[in-house]
Amino acid sequence: MSDAGHDAPHDRPHGGAPHDRAYDSAYDTAVNEALERLGHAGFFLGTGTQLRGFALHAPMGAEALAALGHGDQVPDWVEWYAAHRGLGAPPDLVAPIDAADPSSWRAALGEARRLADWATLFRREIDAEGWQAALATWWPRLTPGMFAGLTHGVIRTAHAVRGITAVPAPSTAQLHELANGLAFWAALYQPANGAAARGAKAVGAVRTLGRQRGPTLFAAADALLETSVDAALAELTATGAARYTLVRPGGNPVPAIHAVTAPAAVRMTLPHLPPHLALPSYEAVRDVSGTLLNIFTGRGAPDPGALTVDTHDPAERRRIVESAVELRDEHAIKIAEAALREYADHDDPRCFAAARHAVRLLGG
């Protein structure tokens, strides 16, 4: 895809703390128009009311596409997504959840049929307390269940937070999108010792690679905790990216992508949360990443050529991003955007190598 007819990808995509970037009206317009279009979408792909299946990615993909500087393409992409994936329909309310009663909200964790109840609760909480206070209250409550929907709860929440912090005053649609991200996380809440982790053990894996004695996959990331949680998360993301290149053609290329995009999402959101939540968030996403990599990647050497990418060449980075955008696949777009964002802070080639590998596996 040529650079004609649209903006080139930003050298520093939207991310980090609000003061790190200037207001981008094109981004704002693209994101809000997409969210308005998706206002009556459900939480899963397909038609009708779905309470399980593949998570709806349209809000996340549209926001990532706009963050890459392709806001002009967002409306067409959303329509393409609706036609090819389906937007589902919102679920029905079951019963109110009382945020002030732990027995009420704890009983509703992990109950997909309560999706609409959770979305209603979070809209009410955000309206009453403000988005940042609501996020600070519920983030630690949901963190132990971060595996929710293959991490789509925390990732959708992170994209919503970035959208909110990128504008002078968030729209109702943006605040509702944050409520939806948190609702998905809560309704599909999956603890580290839940069914997915037990499945990993059943095929000979451990709960996390990082809790074994001696050398571990995440040893380099753990060591960086002495520097900062932010540095450890960056290394965790890059480690997951390197491991992603073990996914071979013919396998499912999607699930292990979240070992890149989930820690990157946590890293993107932590500047907007109280500092004491940083370490528990790292530990949770580390456990999740270990489980994902144990289940969904192979052993041995990476796919030949997967790491041979000169990401220090801006033209090569641009080609990888453009190939993801041209492919239109939501996971390709999200991992390419995460790679660009991570590279802007840490010029490590591993995330871009994973993005290029993902694009190829997904059909690019």
Protein backbone atom coordinates (compact mmCIF):
# COMPACT_ATOMS: atom_id res chain seq x y z
CA MET A 1 0.00 0.00 0.00
CA SER A 2 1.44 3.33 -0.98
CA ASP A 3 1.54 6.37 1.26
CA ALA A 4 -0.71 8.30 -1.11
CA GLY A 5 -4.21 9.05 0.07
CA HIS A 6 -3.67 8.62 3.81
CA ASP A 7 -1.45 9.69 6.64
CA ALA A 8 1.78 7.80 7.23
CA PRO A 9 2.06 5.93 10.53
CA HIS A 10 3.10 8.17 13.41
CA ASP A 11 6.69 7.77 14.54
CA ARG A 12 5.24 7.76 18.06
CA PRO A 13 1.74 6.36 18.09
CA HIS A 14 -0.78 7.34 20.74
CA GLY A 15 0.26 5.93 24.09
CA GLY A 16 1.77 6.78 27.46
CA ALA A 17 0.76 9.65 29.66
CA PRO A 18 -1.52 12.42 28.36
CA HIS A 19 1.15 15.10 28.40
CA ASP A 20 3.31 13.04 26.05
CA ARG A 21 1.29 13.91 22.97
CA ALA A 22 -0.61 16.70 21.27
CA TYR A 23 -4.31 16.59 20.53
CA ASP A 24 -5.04 14.87 17.21
CA SER A 25 -8.43 15.89 15.84
CA ALA A 26 -8.34 13.28 13.05
CA TYR A 27 -7.81 10.52 15.61
CA ASP A 28 -10.59 11.92 17.80
CA THR A 29 -13.05 12.10 14.92
CA ALA A 30 -12.21 8.62 13.61
CA VAL A 31 -12.52 6.94 17.00
CA ASN A 32 -15.77 8.64 17.95
CA GLU A 33 -17.41 8.01 14.60
CA ALA A 34 -16.46 4.34 14.87
CA LEU A 35 -17.84 4.06 18.39
CA GLU A 36 -21.09 5.73 17.33
CA ARG A 37 -21.39 3.23 14.48
CA LEU A 38 -20.74 0.37 16.90
CA GLY A 39 -23.05 1.65 19.62
CA HIS A 40 -25.55 -1.17 19.11
CA ALA A 41 -23.01 -3.96 18.59
CA GLY A 42 -22.78 -6.96 20.89
CA PHE A 43 -19.68 -8.40 22.52
CA PHE A 44 -19.06 -11.31 20.15
CA LEU A 45 -18.86 -11.89 16.41
CA GLY A 46 -21.79 -13.18 14.43
CA THR A 47 -25.47 -12.32 14.33
CA GLY A 48 -27.98 -12.12 17.12
CA THR A 49 -27.21 -12.13 20.83
CA GLN A 50 -24.06 -14.11 21.52
CA LEU A 51 -22.72 -14.95 24.97
CA ARG A 52 -19.68 -16.92 23.81
CA GLY A 53 -17.42 -17.31 20.80
CA PHE A 54 -14.93 -14.91 19.25
CA ALA A 55 -14.69 -11.50 20.87
CA LEU A 56 -15.77 -8.42 18.95
CA HIS A 57 -12.63 -6.54 17.94
CA ALA A 58 -14.13 -3.64 16.01
CA PRO A 59 -13.68 -0.96 18.73
CA MET A 60 -10.09 -2.03 19.42
CA GLY A 61 -9.17 -2.37 15.75
CA ALA A 62 -10.68 1.00 14.84
CA GLU A 63 -8.81 2.73 17.66
CA ALA A 64 -5.52 1.04 16.73
CA LEU A 65 -5.99 1.95 13.07
CA ALA A 66 -6.59 5.59 14.01
CA ALA A 67 -3.55 5.53 16.31
CA LEU A 68 -1.45 4.37 13.35
CA GLY A 69 -2.45 7.52 11.47
CA HIS A 70 -5.05 5.83 9.27
CA GLY A 71 -8.09 7.57 10.67
CA ASP A 72 -9.39 8.23 7.17
CA GLN A 73 -9.66 4.46 6.65
CA VAL A 74 -11.53 3.72 9.86
CA PRO A 75 -15.11 4.16 8.53
CA ASP A 76 -14.54 1.77 5.62
CA TRP A 77 -12.72 -0.67 7.87
CA VAL A 78 -15.61 -0.74 10.35
CA GLU A 79 -18.07 -1.43 7.54
CA TRP A 80 -15.79 -4.17 6.19
CA TYR A 81 -15.56 -5.67 9.66
CA ALA A 82 -19.33 -5.59 10.12
CA ALA A 83 -19.86 -7.32 6.77
CA HIS A 84 -17.16 -9.97 7.20
CA ARG A 85 -17.25 -10.66 10.95
CA GLY A 86 -20.70 -9.60 12.12
CA LEU A 87 -21.38 -7.27 15.02
CA GLY A 88 -23.81 -9.39 17.02
CA ALA A 89 -26.43 -7.78 19.22
CA PRO A 90 -26.31 -6.52 22.80
CA PRO A 91 -27.30 -9.10 25.41
CA ASP A 92 -30.31 -8.72 27.66
CA LEU A 93 -30.20 -7.51 31.24
CA VAL A 94 -30.54 -10.23 33.88
CA ALA A 95 -30.44 -8.48 37.26
CA PRO A 96 -28.72 -5.42 38.73
CA ILE A 97 -25.24 -5.80 40.20
CA ASP A 98 -24.60 -3.79 43.37
CA ALA A 99 -21.11 -2.31 43.31
CA ALA A 100 -21.33 -1.58 47.03
CA ASP A 101 -22.09 -5.20 47.91
CA PRO A 102 -19.11 -7.53 47.40
CA SER A 103 -21.37 -10.58 47.55
CA SER A 104 -23.36 -9.16 44.61
CA TRP A 105 -20.53 -8.30 42.25
CA ARG A 106 -18.30 -11.23 43.16
CA ALA A 107 -21.11 -13.66 42.35
CA ALA A 108 -21.39 -12.10 38.89
CA LEU A 109 -17.70 -12.46 38.00
CA GLY A 110 -17.16 -14.87 35.14
CA GLU A 111 -20.86 -14.97 34.28
CA ALA A 112 -21.13 -14.20 30.57
CA ARG A 113 -24.90 -13.96 30.75
CA ARG A 114 -24.40 -10.91 33.00
CA LEU A 115 -22.56 -8.90 30.33
CA ALA A 116 -25.32 -6.29 30.06
CA ASP A 117 -25.57 -6.08 33.85
CA TRP A 118 -21.84 -5.42 34.11
CA ALA A 119 -21.92 -2.79 31.33
CA THR A 120 -24.76 -1.02 33.15
CA LEU A 121 -22.86 -1.10 36.43
CA PHE A 122 -19.69 0.33 34.88
CA ARG A 123 -21.58 3.10 33.09
CA ARG A 124 -23.13 4.04 36.42
CA GLU A 125 -19.78 3.89 38.22
CA ILE A 126 -18.05 6.02 35.59
CA ASP A 127 -20.86 8.58 35.65
CA ALA A 128 -20.82 8.79 39.45
CA GLU A 129 -17.11 8.60 40.23
CA GLY A 130 -15.37 9.63 37.01
CA TRP A 131 -13.62 7.25 34.66
CA GLN A 132 -10.23 7.31 36.39
CA ALA A 133 -11.60 6.65 39.87
CA ALA A 134 -13.80 3.85 38.55
CA LEU A 135 -10.84 2.32 36.73
CA ALA A 136 -8.65 2.54 39.84
CA THR A 137 -11.35 0.81 41.90
CA TRP A 138 -12.11 -2.02 39.53
CA TRP A 139 -8.72 -2.72 37.94
CA PRO A 140 -7.34 -4.53 41.03
CA ARG A 141 -10.62 -6.42 41.45
CA LEU A 142 -10.42 -7.71 37.89
CA THR A 143 -6.65 -8.20 37.65
CA PRO A 144 -6.70 -11.79 39.00
CA GLY A 145 -9.03 -12.71 36.13
CA MET A 146 -6.96 -11.11 33.39
CA PHE A 147 -7.09 -14.21 31.19
CA ALA A 148 -10.74 -13.21 30.50
CA GLY A 149 -11.67 -13.89 26.90
CA LEU A 150 -8.03 -14.59 25.95
CA THR A 151 -7.13 -11.22 27.53
CA HIS A 152 -9.58 -9.25 25.38
CA GLY A 153 -11.06 -7.67 28.51
CA VAL A 154 -7.86 -5.95 29.55
CA ILE A 155 -6.89 -5.14 25.95
CA ARG A 156 -10.26 -3.58 25.14
CA THR A 157 -10.08 -1.62 28.38
CA ALA A 158 -6.61 -0.34 27.48
CA HIS A 159 -7.66 0.85 24.02
CA ALA A 160 -10.62 2.64 25.59
CA VAL A 161 -8.39 4.34 28.16
CA ARG A 162 -6.02 5.53 25.46
CA GLY A 163 -8.94 6.98 23.51
CA ILE A 164 -10.19 8.84 26.58
CA THR A 165 -6.78 10.25 27.47
CA ALA A 166 -6.07 11.36 23.89
CA VAL A 167 -8.79 14.01 23.88
CA PRO A 168 -9.46 17.12 25.99
CA ALA A 169 -12.87 15.82 27.07
CA PRO A 170 -14.02 12.26 26.38
CA SER A 171 -17.35 11.70 24.65
CA THR A 172 -20.18 9.63 26.05
CA ALA A 173 -19.37 6.99 23.44
CA GLN A 174 -15.77 6.77 24.68
CA LEU A 175 -16.84 6.43 28.31
CA HIS A 176 -19.36 3.76 27.35
CA GLU A 177 -16.60 1.91 25.48
CA LEU A 178 -14.53 1.86 28.67
CA ALA A 179 -17.57 0.44 30.47
CA ASN A 180 -17.87 -2.23 27.78
CA GLY A 181 -14.20 -3.19 28.06
CA LEU A 182 -14.47 -3.56 31.83
CA ALA A 183 -17.76 -5.44 31.44
CA PHE A 184 -16.20 -7.97 29.08
CA TRP A 185 -13.33 -8.43 31.51
CA ALA A 186 -15.68 -8.95 34.47
CA ALA A 187 -18.21 -11.19 32.73
CA LEU A 188 -15.52 -13.46 31.28
CA TYR A 189 -13.30 -13.23 34.36
CA GLN A 190 -10.83 -16.13 34.25
CA PRO A 191 -8.40 -16.64 37.16
CA ALA A 192 -4.91 -18.01 36.61
CA ASN A 193 -5.88 -21.29 38.27
CA GLY A 194 -9.04 -21.65 36.20
CA ALA A 195 -9.99 -23.95 33.37
CA ALA A 196 -7.54 -22.55 30.83
CA ALA A 197 -4.56 -22.99 33.15
CA ARG A 198 -5.72 -26.49 34.07
CA GLY A 199 -5.85 -27.26 30.36
CA ALA A 200 -2.25 -26.14 30.02
CA LYS A 201 -1.24 -28.49 32.81
CA ALA A 202 -3.15 -31.33 31.17
CA VAL A 203 -0.93 -31.12 28.10
CA GLY A 204 2.23 -31.10 30.18
CA ALA A 205 2.63 -27.37 30.81
CA VAL A 206 2.96 -25.58 34.11
CA ARG A 207 0.75 -22.72 35.27
CA THR A 208 3.36 -20.23 34.21
CA LEU A 209 6.77 -20.57 32.69
CA GLY A 210 8.02 -17.85 34.99
CA ARG A 211 7.54 -19.70 38.28
CA GLN A 212 9.98 -22.53 37.57
CA ARG A 213 13.29 -22.66 39.37
CA GLY A 214 16.47 -21.79 37.56
CA PRO A 215 16.59 -20.09 34.16
CA THR A 216 13.12 -19.12 32.95
CA LEU A 217 11.59 -17.59 29.88
CA PHE A 218 10.77 -14.44 31.81
CA ALA A 219 14.00 -14.14 33.78
CA ALA A 220 15.17 -11.06 31.87
CA ALA A 221 11.83 -9.33 32.44
CA ASP A 222 11.82 -10.23 36.14
CA ALA A 223 15.34 -8.87 36.54
CA LEU A 224 14.22 -5.51 35.19
CA LEU A 225 11.76 -5.09 38.06
CA GLU A 226 14.73 -3.66 39.94
CA THR A 227 14.72 -0.86 37.35
CA SER A 228 10.96 -0.37 36.95
CA VAL A 229 7.76 -2.26 36.27
CA ASP A 230 7.54 -0.37 32.98
CA ALA A 231 10.91 -1.76 31.86
CA ALA A 232 9.91 -5.25 32.96
CA LEU A 233 6.66 -5.04 30.99
CA ALA A 234 8.52 -3.90 27.88
CA GLU A 235 10.81 -6.94 28.15
CA LEU A 236 7.89 -9.24 28.88
CA THR A 237 6.20 -7.99 25.71
CA ALA A 238 9.36 -8.48 23.65
CA THR A 239 9.90 -11.96 25.10
CA GLY A 240 6.37 -12.93 24.12
CA ALA A 241 7.03 -11.52 20.66
CA ALA A 242 10.16 -13.63 20.23
CA ARG A 243 8.30 -16.73 21.37
CA TYR A 244 5.47 -15.93 18.92
CA THR A 245 7.83 -16.64 16.05
CA LEU A 246 7.65 -20.32 17.06
CA VAL A 247 4.10 -20.43 15.70
CA ARG A 248 4.33 -22.29 12.41
CA PRO A 249 2.22 -22.04 9.27
CA GLY A 250 -0.79 -24.29 9.56
CA GLY A 251 -1.32 -23.60 13.25
CA ASN A 252 -3.68 -21.06 14.73
CA PRO A 253 -1.78 -17.75 14.53
CA VAL A 254 -4.19 -15.72 16.68
CA PRO A 255 -4.14 -16.77 20.37
CA ALA A 256 -0.40 -16.33 21.01
CA ILE A 257 -0.55 -12.80 19.59
CA HIS A 258 -2.05 -11.84 22.94
CA ALA A 259 1.22 -12.66 24.68
CA VAL A 260 2.39 -9.49 22.90
CA THR A 261 -0.68 -7.29 22.90
CA ALA A 262 -1.80 -8.02 26.49
CA PRO A 263 1.41 -6.93 28.30
CA ALA A 264 1.68 -4.00 25.89
CA ALA A 265 -1.88 -3.04 26.82
CA VAL A 266 -1.12 -3.22 30.54
CA ARG A 267 1.99 -1.10 30.03
CA MET A 268 -0.05 1.48 28.10
CA THR A 269 -2.64 1.75 30.88
CA LEU A 270 -0.50 1.81 34.02
CA PRO A 271 0.37 5.53 33.77
CA HIS A 272 -3.31 6.22 34.42
CA LEU A 273 -3.51 4.01 37.53
CA PRO A 274 -2.18 4.38 41.08
CA PRO A 275 1.48 3.28 41.25
CA HIS A 276 0.81 0.51 43.79
CA LEU A 277 -1.15 -1.40 41.13
CA ALA A 278 1.86 -1.71 38.82
CA LEU A 279 3.56 -4.77 40.32
CA PRO A 280 0.37 -6.87 40.77
CA SER A 281 -0.54 -6.01 37.18
CA TYR A 282 2.86 -7.18 35.96
CA GLU A 283 2.55 -10.43 37.90
CA ALA A 284 -0.92 -11.10 36.52
CA VAL A 285 -0.06 -10.45 32.88
CA ARG A 286 3.14 -12.45 33.29
CA ASP A 287 1.09 -15.44 34.44
CA VAL A 288 -1.31 -14.96 31.54
CA SER A 289 1.52 -14.68 29.01
CA GLY A 290 3.12 -17.86 30.31
CA THR A 291 -0.15 -19.75 29.96
CA LEU A 292 -0.76 -18.43 26.44
CA LEU A 293 2.73 -19.32 25.30
CA ASN A 294 2.58 -22.76 26.87
CA ILE A 295 -0.67 -23.61 25.14
CA PHE A 296 -0.32 -21.90 21.78
CA THR A 297 3.34 -21.91 20.75
CA GLY A 298 5.64 -24.76 19.85
CA ARG A 299 9.11 -25.70 20.94
CA GLY A 300 12.44 -25.43 19.19
CA ALA A 301 13.73 -22.82 16.79
CA PRO A 302 11.72 -19.93 15.35
CA ASP A 303 10.29 -20.13 11.86
CA PRO A 304 13.25 -19.52 9.49
CA GLY A 305 13.47 -15.88 8.55
CA ALA A 306 11.01 -14.74 11.20
CA LEU A 307 13.63 -12.71 13.06
CA THR A 308 15.51 -11.44 10.01
CA VAL A 309 13.95 -8.01 9.93
CA ASP A 310 15.89 -4.77 10.07
CA THR A 311 13.51 -2.77 12.21
CA HIS A 312 16.10 -0.02 12.59
CA ASP A 313 15.20 0.83 8.99
CA PRO A 314 12.15 3.16 9.11
CA ALA A 315 11.10 1.96 5.65
CA GLU A 316 10.96 -1.64 6.88
CA ARG A 317 8.88 -0.68 9.91
CA ARG A 318 6.55 1.25 7.62
CA ARG A 319 6.22 -1.74 5.29
CA ILE A 320 5.22 -4.01 8.17
CA VAL A 321 2.58 -1.56 9.38
CA GLU A 322 1.26 -0.95 5.88
CA SER A 323 1.01 -4.68 5.18
CA ALA A 324 -1.06 -5.12 8.35
CA VAL A 325 -3.36 -2.26 7.40
CA GLU A 326 -3.74 -3.57 3.87
CA LEU A 327 -4.58 -7.06 5.16
CA ARG A 328 -7.35 -5.53 7.31
CA ASP A 329 -7.18 -8.36 9.82
CA GLU A 330 -7.86 -6.96 13.29
CA HIS A 331 -5.10 -8.95 14.98
CA ALA A 332 -2.56 -7.90 12.37
CA ILE A 333 -3.50 -4.26 12.91
CA LYS A 334 -3.33 -4.53 16.69
CA ILE A 335 0.04 -6.28 16.85
CA ALA A 336 1.53 -3.89 14.28
CA GLU A 337 0.32 -0.91 16.29
CA ALA A 338 1.67 -2.43 19.50
CA ALA A 339 5.02 -3.05 17.78
CA LEU A 340 5.24 0.56 16.63
CA ARG A 341 4.32 1.81 20.08
CA GLU A 342 6.83 -0.43 21.85
CA TYR A 343 9.61 0.38 19.37
CA ALA A 344 9.08 4.10 19.96
CA ASP A 345 10.17 3.58 23.58
CA HIS A 346 12.55 0.61 23.23
CA ASP A 347 14.17 0.08 19.83
CA ASP A 348 14.00 -3.69 20.20
CA PRO A 349 13.41 -5.64 16.96
CA ARG A 350 11.40 -8.49 18.48
CA CYS A 351 7.92 -6.94 18.42
CA PHE A 352 8.21 -5.90 14.78
CA ALA A 353 9.52 -9.36 13.91
CA ALA A 354 6.44 -10.84 15.57
CA ALA A 355 4.17 -8.38 13.74
CA ARG A 356 5.65 -9.31 10.39
CA HIS A 357 5.34 -13.01 11.23
CA ALA A 358 1.70 -12.53 12.27
CA VAL A 359 0.86 -10.71 9.03
CA ARG A 360 2.33 -13.55 7.01
CA LEU A 361 0.52 -16.24 9.01
CA LEU A 362 -2.76 -14.33 8.78
CA GLY A 363 -2.55 -14.14 5.00
CA GLY A 364 -0.47 -11.09 4.21
